[in-house]
């Protein structure tokens, strides 16, 4: 998983939603978009990057996107599924 690409994509999503007049609605829009359209492994990688090394890449999450992810982390965290039957 290319973390720089994930951060760039998240920031582009944030750029779109940040122009909304309602700040809370915009934050929810970012999180909802990522939840609906990113597969679980992409969301896991983004959350891990935020936890482990948010500034270790050539590009950083915007403050707006970081706020959206932190504020909606529970919805963005993929549900672990059991592979045992």
PDB file of N, CA and C in Angstrom:
ATOM      1  N   UNK A   1       0.852  -1.169   0.000  1.00  0.00           N
ATOM      2  CA  UNK A   1       0.000   0.000   0.000  1.00  0.00           C
ATOM      3  C   UNK A   1       0.901   1.237   0.000  1.00  0.00           C
ATOM      4  N   UNK A   2       0.681   2.120  -0.924  1.00  0.00           N
ATOM      5  CA  UNK A   2       1.472   3.356  -1.023  1.00  0.00           C
ATOM      6  C   UNK A   2       0.835   4.431  -0.147  1.00  0.00           C
ATOM      7  N   UNK A   3       1.433   4.644   1.010  1.00  0.00           N
ATOM      8  CA  UNK A   3       0.866   5.592   1.969  1.00  0.00           C
ATOM      9  C   UNK A   3       0.825   7.021   1.440  1.00  0.00           C
ATOM     10  N   UNK A   4       1.819   7.400   0.668  1.00  0.00           N
ATOM     11  CA  UNK A   4       1.804   8.758   0.092  1.00  0.00           C
ATOM     12  C   UNK A   4       0.577   8.939  -0.793  1.00  0.00           C
ATOM     13  N   UNK A   5       0.258   7.918  -1.573  1.00  0.00           N
ATOM     14  CA  UNK A   5      -0.909   7.991  -2.451  1.00  0.00           C
ATOM     15  C   UNK A   5      -2.205   8.069  -1.636  1.00  0.00           C
ATOM     16  N   UNK A   6      -2.296   7.293  -0.559  1.00  0.00           N
ATOM     17  CA  UNK A   6      -3.486   7.335   0.288  1.00  0.00           C
ATOM     18  C   UNK A   6      -3.671   8.718   0.900  1.00  0.00           C
ATOM     19  N   UNK A   7      -2.583   9.297   1.386  1.00  0.00           N
ATOM     20  CA  UNK A   7      -2.647  10.632   1.975  1.00  0.00           C
ATOM     21  C   UNK A   7      -3.073  11.651   0.919  1.00  0.00           C
ATOM     22  N   UNK A   8      -2.499  11.539  -0.268  1.00  0.00           N
ATOM     23  CA  UNK A   8      -2.858  12.460  -1.353  1.00  0.00           C
ATOM     24  C   UNK A   8      -4.344  12.332  -1.703  1.00  0.00           C
ATOM     25  N   UNK A   9      -4.833  11.105  -1.817  1.00  0.00           N
ATOM     26  CA  UNK A   9      -6.251  10.894  -2.132  1.00  0.00           C
ATOM     27  C   UNK A   9      -7.141  11.456  -1.038  1.00  0.00           C
ATOM     28  N   UNK A  10      -6.782  11.207   0.217  1.00  0.00           N
ATOM     29  CA  UNK A  10      -7.578  11.725   1.336  1.00  0.00           C
ATOM     30  C   UNK A  10      -7.597  13.251   1.314  1.00  0.00           C
ATOM     31  N   UNK A  11      -6.453  13.859   1.025  1.00  0.00           N
ATOM     32  CA  UNK A  11      -6.402  15.328   0.962  1.00  0.00           C
ATOM     33  C   UNK A  11      -7.255  15.873  -0.180  1.00  0.00           C
ATOM     34  N   UNK A  12      -7.288  15.179  -1.310  1.00  0.00           N
ATOM     35  CA  UNK A  12      -8.129  15.638  -2.422  1.00  0.00           C
ATOM     36  C   UNK A  12      -9.607  15.543  -2.073  1.00  0.00           C
ATOM     37  N   UNK A  13      -9.973  14.477  -1.363  1.00  0.00           N
ATOM     38  CA  UNK A  13     -11.355  14.350  -0.881  1.00  0.00           C
ATOM     39  C   UNK A  13     -11.661  15.511   0.068  1.00  0.00           C
ATOM     40  N   UNK A  14     -10.722  15.781   0.956  1.00  0.00           N
ATOM     41  CA  UNK A  14     -10.882  16.884   1.897  1.00  0.00           C
ATOM     42  C   UNK A  14     -11.024  18.224   1.204  1.00  0.00           C
ATOM     43  N   UNK A  15     -10.250  18.441   0.130  1.00  0.00           N
ATOM     44  CA  UNK A  15     -10.346  19.695  -0.620  1.00  0.00           C
ATOM     45  C   UNK A  15     -11.761  19.926  -1.124  1.00  0.00           C
ATOM     46  N   UNK A  16     -12.400  18.862  -1.579  1.00  0.00           N
ATOM     47  CA  UNK A  16     -13.761  18.978  -2.087  1.00  0.00           C
ATOM     48  C   UNK A  16     -14.728  19.351  -0.965  1.00  0.00           C
ATOM     49  N   UNK A  17     -14.687  18.608   0.136  1.00  0.00           N
ATOM     50  CA  UNK A  17     -15.658  18.803   1.208  1.00  0.00           C
ATOM     51  C   UNK A  17     -15.397  20.046   2.040  1.00  0.00           C
ATOM     52  N   UNK A  18     -14.161  20.492   2.115  1.00  0.00           N
ATOM     53  CA  UNK A  18     -13.830  21.627   2.976  1.00  0.00           C
ATOM     54  C   UNK A  18     -14.538  22.911   2.558  1.00  0.00           C
ATOM     55  N   UNK A  19     -14.949  22.999   1.307  1.00  0.00           N
ATOM     56  CA  UNK A  19     -15.617  24.220   0.837  1.00  0.00           C
ATOM     57  C   UNK A  19     -17.085  24.296   1.270  1.00  0.00           C
ATOM     58  N   UNK A  20     -17.601  23.236   1.882  1.00  0.00           N
ATOM     59  CA  UNK A  20     -18.992  23.247   2.340  1.00  0.00           C
ATOM     60  C   UNK A  20     -19.152  24.251   3.479  1.00  0.00           C
ATOM     61  N   UNK A  21     -20.278  24.939   3.535  1.00  0.00           N
ATOM     62  CA  UNK A  21     -20.467  25.950   4.575  1.00  0.00           C
ATOM     63  C   UNK A  21     -20.601  25.369   5.988  1.00  0.00           C
ATOM     64  N   UNK A  22     -21.138  24.173   6.121  1.00  0.00           N
ATOM     65  CA  UNK A  22     -21.318  23.549   7.435  1.00  0.00           C
ATOM     66  C   UNK A  22     -20.103  22.675   7.731  1.00  0.00           C
ATOM     67  N   UNK A  23     -19.281  23.122   8.678  1.00  0.00           N
ATOM     68  CA  UNK A  23     -18.020  22.446   8.978  1.00  0.00           C
ATOM     69  C   UNK A  23     -18.239  20.994   9.403  1.00  0.00           C
ATOM     70  N   UNK A  24     -19.178  20.745  10.297  1.00  0.00           N
ATOM     71  CA  UNK A  24     -19.424  19.381  10.777  1.00  0.00           C
ATOM     72  C   UNK A  24     -19.928  18.481   9.658  1.00  0.00           C
ATOM     73  N   UNK A  25     -20.775  19.019   8.809  1.00  0.00           N
ATOM     74  CA  UNK A  25     -21.276  18.247   7.667  1.00  0.00           C
ATOM     75  C   UNK A  25     -20.134  17.912   6.712  1.00  0.00           C
ATOM     76  N   UNK A  26     -19.224  18.838   6.551  1.00  0.00           N
ATOM     77  CA  UNK A  26     -18.069  18.610   5.681  1.00  0.00           C
ATOM     78  C   UNK A  26     -17.164  17.521   6.249  1.00  0.00           C
ATOM     79  N   UNK A  27     -16.918  17.553   7.552  1.00  0.00           N
ATOM     80  CA  UNK A  27     -16.091  16.513   8.182  1.00  0.00           C
ATOM     81  C   UNK A  27     -16.740  15.141   8.019  1.00  0.00           C
ATOM     82  N   UNK A  28     -18.036  15.096   8.230  1.00  0.00           N
ATOM     83  CA  UNK A  28     -18.769  13.844   8.064  1.00  0.00           C
ATOM     84  C   UNK A  28     -18.708  13.374   6.615  1.00  0.00           C
ATOM     85  N   UNK A  29     -18.772  14.300   5.680  1.00  0.00           N
ATOM     86  CA  UNK A  29     -18.692  13.954   4.266  1.00  0.00           C
ATOM     87  C   UNK A  29     -17.376  13.296   3.907  1.00  0.00           C
ATOM     88  N   UNK A  30     -16.275  13.810   4.437  1.00  0.00           N
ATOM     89  CA  UNK A  30     -14.960  13.202   4.188  1.00  0.00           C
ATOM     90  C   UNK A  30     -14.947  11.775   4.710  1.00  0.00           C
ATOM     91  N   UNK A  31     -15.338  11.613   5.966  1.00  0.00           N
ATOM     92  CA  UNK A  31     -15.309  10.293   6.585  1.00  0.00           C
ATOM     93  C   UNK A  31     -16.238   9.315   5.876  1.00  0.00           C
ATOM     94  N   UNK A  32     -17.418   9.784   5.530  1.00  0.00           N
ATOM     95  CA  UNK A  32     -18.392   8.913   4.861  1.00  0.00           C
ATOM     96  C   UNK A  32     -17.881   8.487   3.480  1.00  0.00           C
ATOM     97  N   UNK A  33     -17.277   9.413   2.767  1.00  0.00           N
ATOM     98  CA  UNK A  33     -16.733   9.070   1.454  1.00  0.00           C
ATOM     99  C   UNK A  33     -15.653   7.999   1.588  1.00  0.00           C
ATOM    100  N   UNK A  34     -14.732   8.189   2.510  1.00  0.00           N
ATOM    101  CA  UNK A  34     -13.664   7.207   2.710  1.00  0.00           C
ATOM    102  C   UNK A  34     -14.244   5.869   3.150  1.00  0.00           C
ATOM    103  N   UNK A  35     -15.200   5.895   4.044  1.00  0.00           N
ATOM    104  CA  UNK A  35     -15.815   4.644   4.513  1.00  0.00           C
ATOM    105  C   UNK A  35     -16.514   3.890   3.389  1.00  0.00           C
ATOM    106  N   UNK A  36     -17.225   4.619   2.558  1.00  0.00           N
ATOM    107  CA  UNK A  36     -18.016   3.968   1.504  1.00  0.00           C
ATOM    108  C   UNK A  36     -17.190   3.505   0.310  1.00  0.00           C
ATOM    109  N   UNK A  37     -16.147   4.257  -0.045  1.00  0.00           N
ATOM    110  CA  UNK A  37     -15.466   3.988  -1.301  1.00  0.00           C
ATOM    111  C   UNK A  37     -14.061   3.410  -1.172  1.00  0.00           C
ATOM    112  N   UNK A  38     -13.513   3.397   0.014  1.00  0.00           N
ATOM    113  CA  UNK A  38     -12.190   2.804   0.209  1.00  0.00           C
ATOM    114  C   UNK A  38     -12.363   1.414   0.786  1.00  0.00           C
ATOM    115  N   UNK A  39     -11.616   0.478   0.250  1.00  0.00           N
ATOM    116  CA  UNK A  39     -11.694  -0.877   0.788  1.00  0.00           C
ATOM    117  C   UNK A  39     -11.048  -0.914   2.174  1.00  0.00           C
ATOM    118  N   UNK A  40     -11.384  -1.918   2.983  1.00  0.00           N
ATOM    119  CA  UNK A  40     -10.890  -1.968   4.363  1.00  0.00           C
ATOM    120  C   UNK A  40      -9.375  -1.870   4.501  1.00  0.00           C
ATOM    121  N   UNK A  41      -8.625  -2.510   3.633  1.00  0.00           N
ATOM    122  CA  UNK A  41      -7.162  -2.452   3.786  1.00  0.00           C
ATOM    123  C   UNK A  41      -6.632  -1.036   3.546  1.00  0.00           C
ATOM    124  N   UNK A  42      -7.283  -0.267   2.700  1.00  0.00           N
ATOM    125  CA  UNK A  42      -6.877   1.124   2.487  1.00  0.00           C
ATOM    126  C   UNK A  42      -7.157   1.950   3.742  1.00  0.00           C
ATOM    127  N   UNK A  43      -8.325   1.731   4.350  1.00  0.00           N
ATOM    128  CA  UNK A  43      -8.665   2.461   5.566  1.00  0.00           C
ATOM    129  C   UNK A  43      -7.732   2.077   6.710  1.00  0.00           C
ATOM    130  N   UNK A  44      -7.422   0.782   6.826  1.00  0.00           N
ATOM    131  CA  UNK A  44      -6.477   0.343   7.866  1.00  0.00           C
ATOM    132  C   UNK A  44      -5.125   1.021   7.679  1.00  0.00           C
ATOM    133  N   UNK A  45      -4.642   1.070   6.446  1.00  0.00           N
ATOM    134  CA  UNK A  45      -3.340   1.680   6.164  1.00  0.00           C
ATOM    135  C   UNK A  45      -3.355   3.175   6.490  1.00  0.00           C
ATOM    136  N   UNK A  46      -4.431   3.865   6.148  1.00  0.00           N
ATOM    137  CA  UNK A  46      -4.528   5.297   6.450  1.00  0.00           C
ATOM    138  C   UNK A  46      -4.536   5.536   7.956  1.00  0.00           C
ATOM    139  N   UNK A  47      -5.315   4.745   8.690  1.00  0.00           N
ATOM    140  CA  UNK A  47      -5.367   4.894  10.141  1.00  0.00           C
ATOM    141  C   UNK A  47      -4.023   4.549  10.774  1.00  0.00           C
ATOM    142  N   UNK A  48      -3.354   3.529  10.273  1.00  0.00           N
ATOM    143  CA  UNK A  48      -2.036   3.165  10.798  1.00  0.00           C
ATOM    144  C   UNK A  48      -1.026   4.279  10.541  1.00  0.00           C
ATOM    145  N   UNK A  49      -1.095   4.887   9.373  1.00  0.00           N
ATOM    146  CA  UNK A  49      -0.203   6.000   9.056  1.00  0.00           C
ATOM    147  C   UNK A  49      -0.448   7.159  10.016  1.00  0.00           C
ATOM    148  N   UNK A  50      -1.692   7.442  10.292  1.00  0.00           N
ATOM    149  CA  UNK A  50      -2.039   8.511  11.226  1.00  0.00           C
ATOM    150  C   UNK A  50      -1.485   8.217  12.620  1.00  0.00           C
ATOM    151  N   UNK A  51      -1.540   6.950  13.037  1.00  0.00           N
ATOM    152  CA  UNK A  51      -1.078   6.563  14.372  1.00  0.00           C
ATOM    153  C   UNK A  51       0.441   6.478  14.476  1.00  0.00           C
ATOM    154  N   UNK A  52       1.061   5.926  13.451  1.00  0.00           N
ATOM    155  CA  UNK A  52       2.477   5.585  13.550  1.00  0.00           C
ATOM    156  C   UNK A  52       3.418   6.672  13.052  1.00  0.00           C
ATOM    157  N   UNK A  53       3.112   7.262  11.921  1.00  0.00           N
ATOM    158  CA  UNK A  53       4.063   8.207  11.331  1.00  0.00           C
ATOM    159  C   UNK A  53       3.353   9.220  10.447  1.00  0.00           C
ATOM    160  N   UNK A  54       2.524  10.074  11.025  1.00  0.00           N
ATOM    161  CA  UNK A  54       1.737  10.985  10.199  1.00  0.00           C
ATOM    162  C   UNK A  54       2.568  11.964   9.369  1.00  0.00           C
ATOM    163  N   UNK A  55       3.803  12.235   9.782  1.00  0.00           N
ATOM    164  CA  UNK A  55       4.634  13.199   9.060  1.00  0.00           C
ATOM    165  C   UNK A  55       5.856  12.555   8.421  1.00  0.00           C
ATOM    166  N   UNK A  56       5.844  11.243   8.260  1.00  0.00           N
ATOM    167  CA  UNK A  56       7.019  10.533   7.752  1.00  0.00           C
ATOM    168  C   UNK A  56       7.082  10.476   6.227  1.00  0.00           C
ATOM    169  N   UNK A  57       6.083  11.010   5.558  1.00  0.00           N
ATOM    170  CA  UNK A  57       6.029  10.919   4.097  1.00  0.00           C
ATOM    171  C   UNK A  57       6.236  12.296   3.481  1.00  0.00           C
ATOM    172  N   UNK A  58       6.432  12.335   2.197  1.00  0.00           N
ATOM    173  CA  UNK A  58       6.653  13.603   1.504  1.00  0.00           C
ATOM    174  C   UNK A  58       5.432  14.509   1.569  1.00  0.00           C
ATOM    175  N   UNK A  59       4.308  13.953   1.917  1.00  0.00           N
ATOM    176  CA  UNK A  59       3.049  14.690   1.960  1.00  0.00           C
ATOM    177  C   UNK A  59       2.374  14.390   3.295  1.00  0.00           C
ATOM    178  N   UNK A  60       1.727  15.368   3.869  1.00  0.00           N
ATOM    179  CA  UNK A  60       1.056  15.190   5.161  1.00  0.00           C
ATOM    180  C   UNK A  60      -0.447  15.373   4.995  1.00  0.00           C
ATOM    181  N   UNK A  61      -1.204  14.723   5.858  1.00  0.00           N
ATOM    182  CA  UNK A  61      -2.645  14.952   5.872  1.00  0.00           C
ATOM    183  C   UNK A  61      -2.925  16.403   6.218  1.00  0.00           C
ATOM    184  N   UNK A  62      -3.882  16.982   5.528  1.00  0.00           N
ATOM    185  CA  UNK A  62      -4.279  18.349   5.874  1.00  0.00           C
ATOM    186  C   UNK A  62      -4.921  18.326   7.261  1.00  0.00           C
ATOM    187  N   UNK A  63      -4.905  19.451   7.925  1.00  0.00           N
ATOM    188  CA  UNK A  63      -5.528  19.545   9.250  1.00  0.00           C
ATOM    189  C   UNK A  63      -7.005  19.186   9.190  1.00  0.00           C
ATOM    190  N   UNK A  64      -7.669  19.591   8.114  1.00  0.00           N
ATOM    191  CA  UNK A  64      -9.092  19.308   7.941  1.00  0.00           C
ATOM    192  C   UNK A  64      -9.349  17.806   7.835  1.00  0.00           C
ATOM    193  N   UNK A  65      -8.562  17.125   7.008  1.00  0.00           N
ATOM    194  CA  UNK A  65      -8.734  15.678   6.829  1.00  0.00           C
ATOM    195  C   UNK A  65      -8.378  14.952   8.122  1.00  0.00           C
ATOM    196  N   UNK A  66      -7.327  15.383   8.770  1.00  0.00           N
ATOM    197  CA  UNK A  66      -6.945  14.775  10.052  1.00  0.00           C
ATOM    198  C   UNK A  66      -8.100  14.909  11.062  1.00  0.00           C
ATOM    199  N   UNK A  67      -8.724  16.080  11.113  1.00  0.00           N
ATOM    200  CA  UNK A  67      -9.854  16.290  12.013  1.00  0.00           C
ATOM    201  C   UNK A  67     -11.010  15.353  11.666  1.00  0.00           C
ATOM    202  N   UNK A  68     -11.274  15.183  10.387  1.00  0.00           N
ATOM    203  CA  UNK A  68     -12.358  14.290   9.947  1.00  0.00           C
ATOM    204  C   UNK A  68     -12.071  12.841  10.330  1.00  0.00           C
ATOM    205  N   UNK A  69     -10.849  12.411  10.133  1.00  0.00           N
ATOM    206  CA  UNK A  69     -10.490  11.021  10.418  1.00  0.00           C
ATOM    207  C   UNK A  69     -10.510  10.758  11.923  1.00  0.00           C
ATOM    208  N   UNK A  70      -9.929  11.652  12.684  1.00  0.00           N
ATOM    209  CA  UNK A  70      -9.903  11.473  14.141  1.00  0.00           C
ATOM    210  C   UNK A  70     -11.324  11.506  14.705  1.00  0.00           C
ATOM    211  N   UNK A  71     -12.125  12.414  14.231  1.00  0.00           N
ATOM    212  CA  UNK A  71     -13.481  12.556  14.741  1.00  0.00           C
ATOM    213  C   UNK A  71     -14.434  11.446  14.344  1.00  0.00           C
ATOM    214  N   UNK A  72     -14.087  10.725  13.281  1.00  0.00           N
ATOM    215  CA  UNK A  72     -14.965   9.658  12.790  1.00  0.00           C
ATOM    216  C   UNK A  72     -14.233   8.324  12.731  1.00  0.00           C
ATOM    217  N   UNK A  73     -13.234   8.181  13.566  1.00  0.00           N
ATOM    218  CA  UNK A  73     -12.394   6.979  13.530  1.00  0.00           C
ATOM    219  C   UNK A  73     -13.200   5.683  13.692  1.00  0.00           C
ATOM    220  N   UNK A  74     -14.157   5.680  14.586  1.00  0.00           N
ATOM    221  CA  UNK A  74     -14.931   4.463  14.821  1.00  0.00           C
ATOM    222  C   UNK A  74     -15.627   3.988  13.545  1.00  0.00           C
ATOM    223  N   UNK A  75     -16.165   4.921  12.776  1.00  0.00           N
ATOM    224  CA  UNK A  75     -16.846   4.555  11.535  1.00  0.00           C
ATOM    225  C   UNK A  75     -15.852   4.120  10.455  1.00  0.00           C
ATOM    226  N   UNK A  76     -14.638   4.617  10.521  1.00  0.00           N
ATOM    227  CA  UNK A  76     -13.634   4.306   9.491  1.00  0.00           C
ATOM    228  C   UNK A  76     -12.880   3.009   9.767  1.00  0.00           C
ATOM    229  N   UNK A  77     -12.880   2.570  11.020  1.00  0.00           N
ATOM    230  CA  UNK A  77     -12.155   1.354  11.375  1.00  0.00           C
ATOM    231  C   UNK A  77     -12.910   0.148  10.848  1.00  0.00           C
ATOM    232  N   UNK A  78     -12.270  -0.619   9.959  1.00  0.00           N
ATOM    233  CA  UNK A  78     -12.946  -1.813   9.415  1.00  0.00           C
ATOM    234  C   UNK A  78     -13.249  -2.830  10.513  1.00  0.00           C
ATOM    235  N   UNK A  79     -14.377  -3.491  10.368  1.00  0.00           N
ATOM    236  CA  UNK A  79     -14.772  -4.538  11.293  1.00  0.00           C
ATOM    237  C   UNK A  79     -13.928  -5.767  10.979  1.00  0.00           C
ATOM    238  N   UNK A  80     -13.323  -6.311  12.022  1.00  0.00           N
ATOM    239  CA  UNK A  80     -12.547  -7.540  11.844  1.00  0.00           C
ATOM    240  C   UNK A  80     -13.512  -8.699  11.694  1.00  0.00           C
ATOM    241  N   UNK A  81     -13.271  -9.515  10.700  1.00  0.00           N
ATOM    242  CA  UNK A  81     -14.106 -10.697  10.507  1.00  0.00           C
ATOM    243  C   UNK A  81     -13.313 -11.936  10.865  1.00  0.00           C
ATOM    244  N   UNK A  82     -13.970 -12.876  11.461  1.00  0.00           N
ATOM    245  CA  UNK A  82     -13.330 -14.119  11.862  1.00  0.00           C
ATOM    246  C   UNK A  82     -13.327 -15.081  10.684  1.00  0.00           C
ATOM    247  N   UNK A  83     -12.193 -15.738  10.485  1.00  0.00           N
ATOM    248  CA  UNK A  83     -12.087 -16.703   9.389  1.00  0.00           C
ATOM    249  C   UNK A  83     -12.283 -18.121   9.872  1.00  0.00           C
ATOM    250  N   UNK A  84     -12.536 -18.304  11.169  1.00  0.00           N
ATOM    251  CA  UNK A  84     -12.767 -19.641  11.685  1.00  0.00           C
ATOM    252  C   UNK A  84     -14.251 -19.948  11.611  1.00  0.00           C
ATOM    253  N   UNK A  85     -14.534 -21.206  11.360  1.00  0.00           N
ATOM    254  CA  UNK A  85     -15.946 -21.597  11.236  1.00  0.00           C
ATOM    255  C   UNK A  85     -16.354 -22.483  12.363  1.00  0.00           C
TER     256      UNK A  85
END
